[in-house]
Amino acid sequence: MKIKSIFAASVLTISMVLSAPAMASERAVSFVQNKVAQILTILSDPALDEMQKEEKFQQELLQTADVNVIARFVLGKYAAKASAKEFEEFSHAFQLYALSVYQSELSNFGSEVFEVKSSEDRRPGDSVVLTTISGGAMADKSEEIKWRVLEIKGAPPGG
């Protein structure tokens, strides 16, 4: 089992609302660190049973990840050819698929160590944060995860 299938295929696109004039990559790093900390806290909370962890994880993921943006990214050039109804159906199916993949493995995670390695501003409002996750269910392995963080002003995270 690879952590990439748990947290992201290879790039997880997340949206955020930003207002501070700091460098985008600094804000993106902080955003990713906070979101991962929240998710790992949920997964390692001994007071929550598996169903509660799944529910809280799902809520956090849907508030963080913009499923429509990710679905459009997954479709690539074919997104432009899809009608609004076709895209809506695909986006819904993709959301159900992604949640089922994550939820099927949730009980295996929670005590991992998360580390930011670097960040890069692709352009204003578009950053990539390179992280590693290791320990816990990963044993002696380490996986790199790239988080693509898009600044979408006026839109709630995941909206």
Protein backbone atom coordinates (compact mmCIF):
# COMPACT_ATOMS: atom_id res chain seq x y z
CA MET A 1 0.00 0.00 0.00
CA LYS A 2 1.36 3.40 -0.90
CA ILE A 3 0.57 6.58 0.96
CA LYS A 4 0.21 8.32 -2.39
CA SER A 5 -3.06 6.46 -2.89
CA ILE A 6 -4.17 7.60 0.55
CA PHE A 7 -3.39 11.30 0.42
CA ALA A 8 -3.17 11.96 -3.33
CA ALA A 9 -2.46 10.27 -6.61
CA SER A 10 0.56 12.49 -7.06
CA VAL A 11 -0.70 16.04 -6.73
CA LEU A 12 -3.48 17.14 -4.41
CA THR A 13 -5.03 20.42 -5.40
CA ILE A 14 -6.43 22.45 -2.55
CA SER A 15 -7.99 25.84 -2.55
CA MET A 16 -7.62 28.47 0.11
CA VAL A 17 -8.64 32.00 0.88
CA LEU A 18 -5.64 34.23 1.50
CA SER A 19 -5.38 37.87 2.43
CA ALA A 20 -1.94 38.42 3.95
CA PRO A 21 0.73 39.86 1.63
CA ALA A 22 3.34 37.20 2.56
CA MET A 23 4.96 35.13 -0.15
CA ALA A 24 2.48 32.65 -1.59
CA SER A 25 4.71 29.65 -0.96
CA GLU A 26 5.00 30.58 2.74
CA ARG A 27 1.22 30.78 2.99
CA ALA A 28 0.86 27.55 1.03
CA VAL A 29 3.32 25.75 3.33
CA SER A 30 1.47 26.97 6.41
CA PHE A 31 -1.87 25.95 4.91
CA VAL A 32 -0.62 22.43 4.06
CA GLN A 33 1.01 22.00 7.49
CA ASN A 34 -2.21 23.03 9.25
CA LYS A 35 -4.44 20.79 7.14
CA VAL A 36 -2.22 17.73 7.47
CA ALA A 37 -1.94 18.30 11.23
CA GLN A 38 -5.74 18.44 11.46
CA ILE A 39 -6.12 15.23 9.46
CA LEU A 40 -3.46 13.33 11.43
CA THR A 41 -5.05 14.54 14.68
CA ILE A 42 -8.38 13.09 13.55
CA LEU A 43 -6.81 9.79 12.53
CA SER A 44 -4.87 9.37 15.77
CA ASP A 45 -7.64 10.46 18.17
CA PRO A 46 -8.27 7.48 20.49
CA ALA A 47 -11.58 8.99 21.60
CA LEU A 48 -13.04 8.51 18.11
CA ASP A 49 -14.25 5.18 16.78
CA GLU A 50 -13.58 4.26 13.14
CA MET A 51 -16.95 5.58 11.94
CA GLN A 52 -16.38 8.95 13.64
CA LYS A 53 -12.88 9.15 12.17
CA GLU A 54 -14.26 8.46 8.70
CA GLU A 55 -16.92 11.13 9.08
CA LYS A 56 -14.54 13.78 10.42
CA PHE A 57 -11.90 12.89 7.82
CA GLN A 58 -14.46 13.16 5.02
CA GLN A 59 -15.63 16.56 6.29
CA GLU A 60 -12.06 17.84 6.53
CA LEU A 61 -11.13 16.53 3.10
CA LEU A 62 -14.20 18.05 1.42
CA GLN A 63 -13.57 21.39 3.13
CA THR A 64 -9.94 21.34 1.99
CA ALA A 65 -9.91 19.77 -1.46
CA ASP A 66 -11.76 21.42 -4.33
CA VAL A 67 -13.20 18.29 -5.90
CA ASN A 68 -14.34 20.12 -9.05
CA VAL A 69 -10.84 21.50 -9.68
CA ILE A 70 -9.28 18.08 -9.08
CA ALA A 71 -11.86 16.37 -11.32
CA ARG A 72 -11.13 18.89 -14.09
CA PHE A 73 -7.40 18.22 -13.65
CA VAL A 74 -7.99 14.45 -13.85
CA LEU A 75 -10.02 14.82 -17.05
CA GLY A 76 -7.31 16.98 -18.61
CA LYS A 77 -8.09 18.04 -22.17
CA TYR A 78 -11.34 16.04 -22.12
CA ALA A 79 -12.85 18.38 -19.51
CA ALA A 80 -13.44 20.99 -22.23
CA LYS A 81 -15.43 18.46 -24.27
CA ALA A 82 -17.73 17.45 -21.42
CA SER A 83 -21.14 19.07 -21.08
CA ALA A 84 -22.00 20.68 -17.75
CA LYS A 85 -24.15 17.64 -16.88
CA GLU A 86 -21.41 15.18 -17.85
CA PHE A 87 -18.83 17.08 -15.83
CA GLU A 88 -21.16 17.25 -12.81
CA GLU A 89 -21.75 13.49 -13.00
CA PHE A 90 -18.03 12.79 -13.36
CA SER A 91 -17.14 15.13 -10.50
CA HIS A 92 -19.68 13.43 -8.23
CA ALA A 93 -18.44 9.94 -9.20
CA PHE A 94 -14.83 11.06 -8.71
CA GLN A 95 -15.65 12.42 -5.23
CA LEU A 96 -17.28 9.12 -4.23
CA TYR A 97 -14.31 7.18 -5.60
CA ALA A 98 -11.70 9.37 -3.86
CA LEU A 99 -13.50 9.18 -0.53
CA SER A 100 -13.86 5.40 -0.77
CA VAL A 101 -10.13 5.01 -1.51
CA TYR A 102 -9.19 7.17 1.46
CA GLN A 103 -11.72 5.66 3.83
CA SER A 104 -10.78 2.06 3.03
CA GLU A 105 -7.32 2.69 4.49
CA LEU A 106 -8.00 5.15 7.32
CA SER A 107 -7.50 2.67 10.13
CA ASN A 108 -3.90 2.17 8.99
CA PHE A 109 -2.87 5.77 9.57
CA GLY A 110 -2.52 8.35 12.29
CA SER A 111 0.99 8.18 13.76
CA GLU A 112 2.95 9.22 10.67
CA VAL A 113 5.55 11.98 10.64
CA PHE A 114 4.92 14.74 8.13
CA GLU A 115 7.69 17.05 6.89
CA VAL A 116 7.75 19.92 4.40
CA LYS A 117 10.81 19.62 2.14
CA SER A 118 10.35 22.61 -0.16
CA SER A 119 7.86 24.88 -1.86
CA GLU A 120 7.73 26.66 -5.17
CA ASP A 121 5.55 29.42 -6.55
CA ARG A 122 4.52 28.43 -10.05
CA ARG A 123 2.88 31.84 -10.51
CA PRO A 124 0.97 34.19 -8.19
CA GLY A 125 -1.66 32.21 -6.33
CA ASP A 126 -0.37 28.82 -7.53
CA SER A 127 2.19 27.00 -5.37
CA VAL A 128 3.49 23.47 -5.05
CA VAL A 129 4.54 22.20 -1.62
CA LEU A 130 6.76 19.10 -1.55
CA THR A 131 6.39 17.00 1.59
CA THR A 132 7.32 13.59 2.89
CA ILE A 133 5.39 11.33 5.18
CA SER A 134 6.94 8.43 7.05
CA GLY A 135 6.66 6.30 10.17
CA GLY A 136 3.48 4.80 11.58
CA ALA A 137 1.92 2.43 9.04
CA MET A 138 4.74 3.30 6.63
CA ALA A 139 7.30 1.53 8.85
CA ASP A 140 10.77 2.38 7.49
CA LYS A 141 9.48 3.84 4.22
CA SER A 142 9.01 7.44 3.21
CA GLU A 143 6.80 8.82 0.44
CA GLU A 144 6.94 12.19 -1.26
CA ILE A 145 3.68 14.04 -1.76
CA LYS A 146 3.27 17.15 -3.87
CA TRP A 147 0.45 19.46 -2.85
CA ARG A 148 -0.70 21.96 -5.43
CA VAL A 149 -2.21 24.89 -3.57
CA LEU A 150 -4.33 27.33 -5.55
CA GLU A 151 -5.40 30.65 -4.12
CA ILE A 152 -9.02 31.25 -5.02
CA LYS A 153 -10.05 34.59 -3.58
CA GLY A 154 -13.59 34.86 -2.32
CA ALA A 155 -14.18 31.10 -2.47
CA PRO A 156 -14.37 28.99 0.66
CA PRO A 157 -11.87 26.11 0.81
CA GLY A 158 -13.29 23.21 -1.16
CA GLY A 159 -15.94 25.46 -2.68
